[in-house]
PDB file of N, CA and C in Angstrom:
ATOM      1  N   MET A   1     160.895  99.365  70.476  1.00  0.00           N
ATOM      2  CA  MET A   1     160.126  98.750  68.314  1.00  0.00           C
ATOM      3  C   MET A   1     159.819 100.926  68.748  1.00  0.00           C
ATOM      4  N   SER A   2     160.008 101.069  67.428  1.00  0.00           N
ATOM      5  CA  SER A   2     159.107 102.471  66.802  1.00  0.00           C
ATOM      6  C   SER A   2     158.230 101.838  66.128  1.00  0.00           C
ATOM      7  N   ALA A   3     157.445 102.851  66.050  1.00  0.00           N
ATOM      8  CA  ALA A   3     155.914 102.856  65.407  1.00  0.00           C
ATOM      9  C   ALA A   3     156.192 103.144  63.508  1.00  0.00           C
ATOM     10  N   PHE A   4     155.297 102.632  63.024  1.00  0.00           N
ATOM     11  CA  PHE A   4     155.650 102.689  61.594  1.00  0.00           C
ATOM     12  C   PHE A   4     155.236 103.952  61.274  1.00  0.00           C
ATOM     13  N   VAL A   5     155.936 104.946  60.762  1.00  0.00           N
ATOM     14  CA  VAL A   5     155.151 106.514  60.213  1.00  0.00           C
ATOM     15  C   VAL A   5     154.708 106.202  59.010  1.00  0.00           C
ATOM     16  N   THR A   6     153.422 106.863  58.891  1.00  0.00           N
ATOM     17  CA  THR A   6     152.488 107.141  57.613  1.00  0.00           C
ATOM     18  C   THR A   6     152.410 108.326  57.083  1.00  0.00           C
ATOM     19  N   GLU A   7     152.663 109.820  58.066  1.00  0.00           N
ATOM     20  CA  GLU A   7     152.775 110.870  57.433  1.00  0.00           C
ATOM     21  C   GLU A   7     154.121 111.610  57.899  1.00  0.00           C
ATOM     22  N   VAL A   8     154.378 112.477  57.166  1.00  0.00           N
ATOM     23  CA  VAL A   8     155.846 113.130  57.274  1.00  0.00           C
ATOM     24  C   VAL A   8     155.162 114.546  57.063  1.00  0.00           C
ATOM     25  N   GLU A   9     155.821 115.575  57.900  1.00  0.00           N
ATOM     26  CA  GLU A   9     155.888 116.743  57.902  1.00  0.00           C
ATOM     27  C   GLU A   9     156.996 117.591  57.209  1.00  0.00           C
ATOM     28  N   PHE A  10     156.389 118.745  56.296  1.00  0.00           N
ATOM     29  CA  PHE A  10     157.393 119.040  55.507  1.00  0.00           C
ATOM     30  C   PHE A  10     157.392 120.745  55.611  1.00  0.00           C
ATOM     31  N   GLU A  11     158.490 121.426  54.870  1.00  0.00           N
ATOM     32  CA  GLU A  11     158.672 122.529  55.285  1.00  0.00           C
ATOM     33  C   GLU A  11     158.984 123.330  53.561  1.00  0.00           C
ATOM     34  N   LEU A  12     157.947 123.914  52.806  1.00  0.00           N
ATOM     35  CA  LEU A  12     158.363 124.193  51.589  1.00  0.00           C
ATOM     36  C   LEU A  12     159.590 125.260  51.462  1.00  0.00           C
ATOM     37  N   PRO A  13     160.698 125.340  50.439  1.00  0.00           N
ATOM     38  CA  PRO A  13     161.326 126.476  50.378  1.00  0.00           C
ATOM     39  C   PRO A  13     160.617 127.692  49.724  1.00  0.00           C
ATOM     40  N   LYS A  14     159.739 127.453  49.052  1.00  0.00           N
ATOM     41  CA  LYS A  14     159.256 128.839  48.714  1.00  0.00           C
ATOM     42  C   LYS A  14     157.930 129.155  49.582  1.00  0.00           C
ATOM     43  N   GLY A  15     156.942 128.260  49.404  1.00  0.00           N
ATOM     44  CA  GLY A  15     155.508 128.706  50.111  1.00  0.00           C
ATOM     45  C   GLY A  15     154.566 128.355  48.980  1.00  0.00           C
ATOM     46  N   TYR A  16     153.201 128.082  49.338  1.00  0.00           N
ATOM     47  CA  TYR A  16     152.021 128.503  48.799  1.00  0.00           C
ATOM     48  C   TYR A  16     151.217 129.531  49.123  1.00  0.00           C
ATOM     49  N   VAL A  17     151.136 130.336  48.004  1.00  0.00           N
ATOM     50  CA  VAL A  17     150.801 131.971  48.224  1.00  0.00           C
ATOM     51  C   VAL A  17     149.127 131.622  48.061  1.00  0.00           C
ATOM     52  N   ASP A  18     148.452 131.851  48.907  1.00  0.00           N
ATOM     53  CA  ASP A  18     146.785 131.434  48.747  1.00  0.00           C
ATOM     54  C   ASP A  18     146.200 132.748  47.859  1.00  0.00           C
ATOM     55  N   PRO A  19     144.828 132.821  48.107  1.00  0.00           N
ATOM     56  CA  PRO A  19     144.246 133.911  47.269  1.00  0.00           C
ATOM     57  C   PRO A  19     144.638 134.865  48.100  1.00  0.00           C
ATOM     58  N   THR A  20     144.515 134.793  49.509  1.00  0.00           N
ATOM     59  CA  THR A  20     144.161 136.381  50.074  1.00  0.00           C
ATOM     60  C   THR A  20     146.050 136.657  50.039  1.00  0.00           C
ATOM     61  N   GLY A  21     147.042 136.005  49.796  1.00  0.00           N
ATOM     62  CA  GLY A  21     148.237 136.507  49.947  1.00  0.00           C
ATOM     63  C   GLY A  21     149.116 135.919  50.805  1.00  0.00           C
ATOM     64  N   SER A  22     148.458 134.907  51.891  1.00  0.00           N
ATOM     65  CA  SER A  22     149.262 134.254  52.837  1.00  0.00           C
ATOM     66  C   SER A  22     150.216 133.068  52.415  1.00  0.00           C
ATOM     67  N   VAL A  23     151.215 133.199  52.678  1.00  0.00           N
ATOM     68  CA  VAL A  23     152.473 132.441  52.400  1.00  0.00           C
ATOM     69  C   VAL A  23     152.125 130.991  53.402  1.00  0.00           C
ATOM     70  N   HIS A  24     151.769 129.985  52.999  1.00  0.00           N
ATOM     71  CA  HIS A  24     152.136 128.867  53.680  1.00  0.00           C
ATOM     72  C   HIS A  24     153.310 127.844  53.399  1.00  0.00           C
ATOM     73  N   ARG A  25     154.155 127.601  54.453  1.00  0.00           N
ATOM     74  CA  ARG A  25     155.343 126.446  53.871  1.00  0.00           C
ATOM     75  C   ARG A  25     155.363 125.346  54.527  1.00  0.00           C
ATOM     76  N   THR A  26     154.269 125.160  55.597  1.00  0.00           N
ATOM     77  CA  THR A  26     154.563 123.797  56.620  1.00  0.00           C
ATOM     78  C   THR A  26     153.590 123.060  56.141  1.00  0.00           C
ATOM     79  N   GLY A  27     153.681 121.972  56.220  1.00  0.00           N
ATOM     80  CA  GLY A  27     152.728 121.282  56.077  1.00  0.00           C
ATOM     81  C   GLY A  27     152.668 119.559  56.183  1.00  0.00           C
ATOM     82  N   VAL A  28     151.745 118.700  56.112  1.00  0.00           N
ATOM     83  CA  VAL A  28     151.755 117.059  56.368  1.00  0.00           C
ATOM     84  C   VAL A  28     151.567 116.638  55.277  1.00  0.00           C
ATOM     85  N   MET A  29     152.208 115.411  54.936  1.00  0.00           N
ATOM     86  CA  MET A  29     151.740 114.795  53.773  1.00  0.00           C
ATOM     87  C   MET A  29     151.606 113.198  54.224  1.00  0.00           C
ATOM     88  N   ARG A  30     151.039 112.133  53.735  1.00  0.00           N
ATOM     89  CA  ARG A  30     150.944 110.793  54.117  1.00  0.00           C
ATOM     90  C   ARG A  30     151.696 110.011  53.047  1.00  0.00           C
ATOM     91  N   LEU A  31     152.122 108.831  53.267  1.00  0.00           N
ATOM     92  CA  LEU A  31     152.785 108.182  52.426  1.00  0.00           C
ATOM     93  C   LEU A  31     151.801 107.665  51.170  1.00  0.00           C
ATOM     94  N   ALA A  32     152.322 107.591  50.112  1.00  0.00           N
ATOM     95  CA  ALA A  32     151.538 107.268  48.413  1.00  0.00           C
ATOM     96  C   ALA A  32     151.090 105.521  48.950  1.00  0.00           C
ATOM     97  N   THR A  33     150.062 105.160  48.150  1.00  0.00           N
ATOM     98  CA  THR A  33     149.714 103.981  48.216  1.00  0.00           C
ATOM     99  C   THR A  33     149.622 103.498  46.654  1.00  0.00           C
ATOM    100  N   ALA A  34     149.814 102.486  46.334  1.00  0.00           N
ATOM    101  CA  ALA A  34     149.477 101.932  45.096  1.00  0.00           C
ATOM    102  C   ALA A  34     148.438 102.364  44.319  1.00  0.00           C
ATOM    103  N   ALA A  35     147.151 102.882  44.936  1.00  0.00           N
ATOM    104  CA  ALA A  35     145.897 103.313  44.493  1.00  0.00           C
ATOM    105  C   ALA A  35     146.141 104.664  44.252  1.00  0.00           C
ATOM    106  N   ASP A  36     147.055 105.653  45.281  1.00  0.00           N
ATOM    107  CA  ASP A  36     147.506 106.989  44.754  1.00  0.00           C
ATOM    108  C   ASP A  36     148.210 106.997  43.382  1.00  0.00           C
ATOM    109  N   GLU A  37     148.904 106.169  43.107  1.00  0.00           N
ATOM    110  CA  GLU A  37     149.851 106.160  42.057  1.00  0.00           C
ATOM    111  C   GLU A  37     148.929 105.869  40.655  1.00  0.00           C
ATOM    112  N   ILE A  38     147.649 104.712  40.780  1.00  0.00           N
ATOM    113  CA  ILE A  38     147.297 104.490  39.772  1.00  0.00           C
ATOM    114  C   ILE A  38     145.840 104.769  39.211  1.00  0.00           C
ATOM    115  N   TYR A  39     144.779 105.418  40.260  1.00  0.00           N
ATOM    116  CA  TYR A  39     143.974 106.057  39.994  1.00  0.00           C
ATOM    117  C   TYR A  39     144.219 107.291  39.024  1.00  0.00           C
ATOM    118  N   PRO A  40     145.022 108.105  39.332  1.00  0.00           N
ATOM    119  CA  PRO A  40     145.168 109.351  38.432  1.00  0.00           C
ATOM    120  C   PRO A  40     145.665 109.043  36.939  1.00  0.00           C
ATOM    121  N   LEU A  41     146.054 107.964  36.409  1.00  0.00           N
ATOM    122  CA  LEU A  41     145.996 107.533  35.434  1.00  0.00           C
ATOM    123  C   LEU A  41     145.007 107.525  34.394  1.00  0.00           C
ATOM    124  N   LYS A  42     143.648 107.381  35.161  1.00  0.00           N
ATOM    125  CA  LYS A  42     142.639 107.281  34.462  1.00  0.00           C
ATOM    126  C   LYS A  42     142.296 108.751  34.438  1.00  0.00           C
ATOM    127  N   ASP A  43     142.612 109.897  34.704  1.00  0.00           N
ATOM    128  CA  ASP A  43     142.023 111.072  34.528  1.00  0.00           C
ATOM    129  C   ASP A  43     142.679 111.493  33.304  1.00  0.00           C
ATOM    130  N   LEU A  44     141.787 112.228  32.389  1.00  0.00           N
ATOM    131  CA  LEU A  44     142.051 112.778  30.973  1.00  0.00           C
ATOM    132  C   LEU A  44     143.046 113.328  31.035  1.00  0.00           C
ATOM    133  N   ARG A  45     143.476 114.516  32.243  1.00  0.00           N
ATOM    134  CA  ARG A  45     144.498 115.411  32.037  1.00  0.00           C
ATOM    135  C   ARG A  45     145.498 114.784  31.941  1.00  0.00           C
ATOM    136  N   VAL A  46     145.917 113.722  32.793  1.00  0.00           N
ATOM    137  CA  VAL A  46     147.158 112.930  32.988  1.00  0.00           C
ATOM    138  C   VAL A  46     147.359 112.093  31.084  1.00  0.00           C
ATOM    139  N   ARG A  47     145.866 111.538  30.622  1.00  0.00           N
ATOM    140  CA  ARG A  47     146.686 110.962  29.592  1.00  0.00           C
ATOM    141  C   ARG A  47     146.649 111.898  28.446  1.00  0.00           C
ATOM    142  N   THR A  48     146.511 112.897  28.511  1.00  0.00           N
ATOM    143  CA  THR A  48     146.819 113.778  27.443  1.00  0.00           C
ATOM    144  C   THR A  48     147.884 115.073  27.545  1.00  0.00           C
ATOM    145  N   TRP A  49     148.221 114.835  29.221  1.00  0.00           N
ATOM    146  CA  TRP A  49     149.689 115.698  29.524  1.00  0.00           C
ATOM    147  C   TRP A  49     150.026 114.680  30.626  1.00  0.00           C
ATOM    148  N   PRO A  50     150.977 113.903  30.322  1.00  0.00           N
ATOM    149  CA  PRO A  50     151.362 113.073  31.527  1.00  0.00           C
ATOM    150  C   PRO A  50     152.356 113.629  32.523  1.00  0.00           C
ATOM    151  N   ALA A  51     152.804 114.690  32.585  1.00  0.00           N
ATOM    152  CA  ALA A  51     153.419 115.405  33.591  1.00  0.00           C
ATOM    153  C   ALA A  51     152.664 116.262  34.508  1.00  0.00           C
ATOM    154  N   TYR A  52     151.190 116.158  34.079  1.00  0.00           N
ATOM    155  CA  TYR A  52     150.152 116.238  35.157  1.00  0.00           C
ATOM    156  C   TYR A  52     149.821 115.542  36.389  1.00  0.00           C
ATOM    157  N   LEU A  53     150.267 114.171  36.189  1.00  0.00           N
ATOM    158  CA  LEU A  53     150.285 113.092  37.023  1.00  0.00           C
ATOM    159  C   LEU A  53     150.641 113.727  38.669  1.00  0.00           C
ATOM    160  N   ILE A  54     152.025 114.415  38.887  1.00  0.00           N
ATOM    161  CA  ILE A  54     152.168 114.666  40.005  1.00  0.00           C
ATOM    162  C   ILE A  54     151.369 115.496  40.427  1.00  0.00           C
ATOM    163  N   VAL A  55     150.537 116.551  39.787  1.00  0.00           N
ATOM    164  CA  VAL A  55     149.753 117.313  40.584  1.00  0.00           C
ATOM    165  C   VAL A  55     148.618 116.385  41.106  1.00  0.00           C
ATOM    166  N   LEU A  56     148.260 115.323  40.287  1.00  0.00           N
ATOM    167  CA  LEU A  56     147.032 114.975  41.248  1.00  0.00           C
ATOM    168  C   LEU A  56     147.550 113.844  42.176  1.00  0.00           C
ATOM    169  N   LEU A  57     148.417 113.485  41.993  1.00  0.00           N
ATOM    170  CA  LEU A  57     149.367 112.837  43.440  1.00  0.00           C
ATOM    171  C   LEU A  57     149.378 113.511  44.855  1.00  0.00           C
ATOM    172  N   LEU A  58     149.791 114.762  44.158  1.00  0.00           N
ATOM    173  CA  LEU A  58     150.230 115.571  45.485  1.00  0.00           C
ATOM    174  C   LEU A  58     148.643 116.063  45.641  1.00  0.00           C
ATOM    175  N   GLU A  59     147.621 115.931  45.315  1.00  0.00           N
ATOM    176  CA  GLU A  59     146.539 116.373  45.788  1.00  0.00           C
ATOM    177  C   GLU A  59     146.004 115.103  46.681  1.00  0.00           C
ATOM    178  N   ARG A  60     146.147 113.941  46.364  1.00  0.00           N
ATOM    179  CA  ARG A  60     146.096 113.316  47.029  1.00  0.00           C
ATOM    180  C   ARG A  60     146.503 112.842  48.264  1.00  0.00           C
ATOM    181  N   VAL A  61     147.948 112.939  48.102  1.00  0.00           N
ATOM    182  CA  VAL A  61     148.781 112.727  49.559  1.00  0.00           C
ATOM    183  C   VAL A  61     148.952 113.867  50.413  1.00  0.00           C
ATOM    184  N   VAL A  62     148.994 115.305  49.992  1.00  0.00           N
ATOM    185  CA  VAL A  62     149.198 116.417  51.204  1.00  0.00           C
ATOM    186  C   VAL A  62     147.724 116.705  51.671  1.00  0.00           C
ATOM    187  N   THR A  63     147.965 116.566  52.911  1.00  0.00           N
ATOM    188  CA  THR A  63     146.656 116.493  53.569  1.00  0.00           C
ATOM    189  C   THR A  63     146.842 117.665  54.615  1.00  0.00           C
ATOM    190  N   LYS A  64     147.903 118.656  54.677  1.00  0.00           N
ATOM    191  CA  LYS A  64     147.334 119.716  55.467  1.00  0.00           C
ATOM    192  C   LYS A  64     148.797 120.687  54.822  1.00  0.00           C
ATOM    193  N   LEU A  65     148.234 122.105  54.283  1.00  0.00           N
ATOM    194  CA  LEU A  65     149.098 123.184  54.207  1.00  0.00           C
ATOM    195  C   LEU A  65     149.026 124.259  54.778  1.00  0.00           C
ATOM    196  N   GLY A  66     149.841 124.804  55.720  1.00  0.00           N
ATOM    197  CA  GLY A  66     149.538 125.742  56.376  1.00  0.00           C
ATOM    198  C   GLY A  66     148.480 125.286  57.908  1.00  0.00           C
ATOM    199  N   SER A  67     147.870 126.269  58.246  1.00  0.00           N
ATOM    200  CA  SER A  67     147.041 126.095  59.146  1.00  0.00           C
ATOM    201  C   SER A  67     145.794 125.279  59.117  1.00  0.00           C
ATOM    202  N   ARG A  68     145.605 124.550  57.632  1.00  0.00           N
ATOM    203  CA  ARG A  68     144.625 124.158  57.218  1.00  0.00           C
ATOM    204  C   ARG A  68     144.432 123.038  56.430  1.00  0.00           C
ATOM    205  N   PRO A  69     143.487 122.189  56.415  1.00  0.00           N
ATOM    206  CA  PRO A  69     143.356 120.700  55.327  1.00  0.00           C
ATOM    207  C   PRO A  69     143.434 121.403  54.024  1.00  0.00           C
ATOM    208  N   VAL A  70     144.045 120.379  53.394  1.00  0.00           N
ATOM    209  CA  VAL A  70     143.901 120.966  51.563  1.00  0.00           C
ATOM    210  C   VAL A  70     143.432 120.085  51.052  1.00  0.00           C
ATOM    211  N   ARG A  71     142.404 119.724  50.420  1.00  0.00           N
ATOM    212  CA  ARG A  71     141.410 119.023  49.640  1.00  0.00           C
ATOM    213  C   ARG A  71     140.613 119.949  48.285  1.00  0.00           C
ATOM    214  N   GLN A  72     141.296 120.988  48.151  1.00  0.00           N
ATOM    215  CA  GLN A  72     140.583 121.704  46.826  1.00  0.00           C
ATOM    216  C   GLN A  72     141.413 121.805  45.766  1.00  0.00           C
ATOM    217  N   ALA A  73     140.759 121.741  44.460  1.00  0.00           N
ATOM    218  CA  ALA A  73     141.422 121.711  43.486  1.00  0.00           C
ATOM    219  C   ALA A  73     142.228 122.743  43.049  1.00  0.00           C
ATOM    220  N   GLY A  74     143.075 123.069  42.548  1.00  0.00           N
ATOM    221  CA  GLY A  74     143.916 124.150  42.045  1.00  0.00           C
ATOM    222  C   GLY A  74     145.081 124.440  43.189  1.00  0.00           C
ATOM    223  N   VAL A  75     145.222 123.842  44.474  1.00  0.00           N
ATOM    224  CA  VAL A  75     146.128 124.602  45.463  1.00  0.00           C
ATOM    225  C   VAL A  75     147.568 123.802  44.751  1.00  0.00           C
ATOM    226  N   HIS A  76     147.446 122.625  44.364  1.00  0.00           N
ATOM    227  CA  HIS A  76     148.853 122.046  44.174  1.00  0.00           C
ATOM    228  C   HIS A  76     149.282 122.680  42.485  1.00  0.00           C
ATOM    229  N   GLU A  77     148.341 122.993  41.900  1.00  0.00           N
ATOM    230  CA  GLU A  77     148.721 123.611  40.544  1.00  0.00           C
ATOM    231  C   GLU A  77     149.347 125.124  40.853  1.00  0.00           C
ATOM    232  N   GLY A  78     149.161 125.577  42.065  1.00  0.00           N
ATOM    233  CA  GLY A  78     149.844 126.725  42.415  1.00  0.00           C
ATOM    234  C   GLY A  78     151.160 126.781  43.032  1.00  0.00           C
ATOM    235  N   LEU A  79     151.772 125.601  43.496  1.00  0.00           N
ATOM    236  CA  LEU A  79     153.198 125.173  44.206  1.00  0.00           C
ATOM    237  C   LEU A  79     154.096 125.938  43.216  1.00  0.00           C
ATOM    238  N   PHE A  80     154.932 126.278  43.611  1.00  0.00           N
ATOM    239  CA  PHE A  80     156.261 126.673  42.830  1.00  0.00           C
ATOM    240  C   PHE A  80     157.054 125.041  42.481  1.00  0.00           C
ATOM    241  N   GLN A  81     157.644 125.338  41.203  1.00  0.00           N
ATOM    242  CA  GLN A  81     158.394 124.093  40.824  1.00  0.00           C
ATOM    243  C   GLN A  81     159.644 123.618  42.046  1.00  0.00           C
ATOM    244  N   ALA A  82     160.191 124.813  42.594  1.00  0.00           N
ATOM    245  CA  ALA A  82     161.055 123.932  43.681  1.00  0.00           C
ATOM    246  C   ALA A  82     160.389 123.555  45.020  1.00  0.00           C
ATOM    247  N   ASP A  83     158.817 123.765  45.067  1.00  0.00           N
ATOM    248  CA  ASP A  83     158.106 123.174  46.260  1.00  0.00           C
ATOM    249  C   ASP A  83     158.000 121.579  45.869  1.00  0.00           C
ATOM    250  N   VAL A  84     157.508 121.565  44.529  1.00  0.00           N
ATOM    251  CA  VAL A  84     157.176 120.238  43.904  1.00  0.00           C
ATOM    252  C   VAL A  84     158.167 119.397  43.886  1.00  0.00           C
ATOM    253  N   ALA A  85     159.468 119.820  43.519  1.00  0.00           N
ATOM    254  CA  ALA A  85     160.765 119.147  43.675  1.00  0.00           C
ATOM    255  C   ALA A  85     160.804 118.278  44.938  1.00  0.00           C
ATOM    256  N   LEU A  86     160.843 119.464  45.961  1.00  0.00           N
ATOM    257  CA  LEU A  86     160.999 118.738  47.548  1.00  0.00           C
ATOM    258  C   LEU A  86     160.087 117.705  47.888  1.00  0.00           C
ATOM    259  N   LEU A  87     158.694 118.001  47.471  1.00  0.00           N
ATOM    260  CA  LEU A  87     157.457 117.105  47.583  1.00  0.00           C
ATOM    261  C   LEU A  87     157.656 115.699  46.905  1.00  0.00           C
ATOM    262  N   GLU A  88     158.409 115.832  45.894  1.00  0.00           N
ATOM    263  CA  GLU A  88     158.091 114.586  45.158  1.00  0.00           C
ATOM    264  C   GLU A  88     159.555 113.494  45.853  1.00  0.00           C
ATOM    265  N   LYS A  89     160.433 114.257  46.534  1.00  0.00           N
ATOM    266  CA  LYS A  89     161.575 113.575  46.985  1.00  0.00           C
ATOM    267  C   LYS A  89     161.035 112.620  48.475  1.00  0.00           C
ATOM    268  N   ARG A  90     159.685 113.442  48.834  1.00  0.00           N
ATOM    269  CA  ARG A  90     159.459 112.883  49.835  1.00  0.00           C
ATOM    270  C   ARG A  90     159.015 111.906  49.601  1.00  0.00           C
TER     271      ARG A  90
END
């Protein structure tokens, strides 16, 4: 019997370029919960611009990008659209 997998590794097609110019293409994300999808709906940015929901959802579920944990605002806003599209499918 196999264990239930709650985290998934990924490789971005383009990669996140950090402020130092380093490109991070690999990472880890966990499965989204109902709370991950519901709580961002309270955010004013999502209420005024519904497309922003995916940015806040990724902030909640992407746990590692490159060699470091990701929990800082703005990182997911800096992802290329091709990378966001790949993560949305996961």
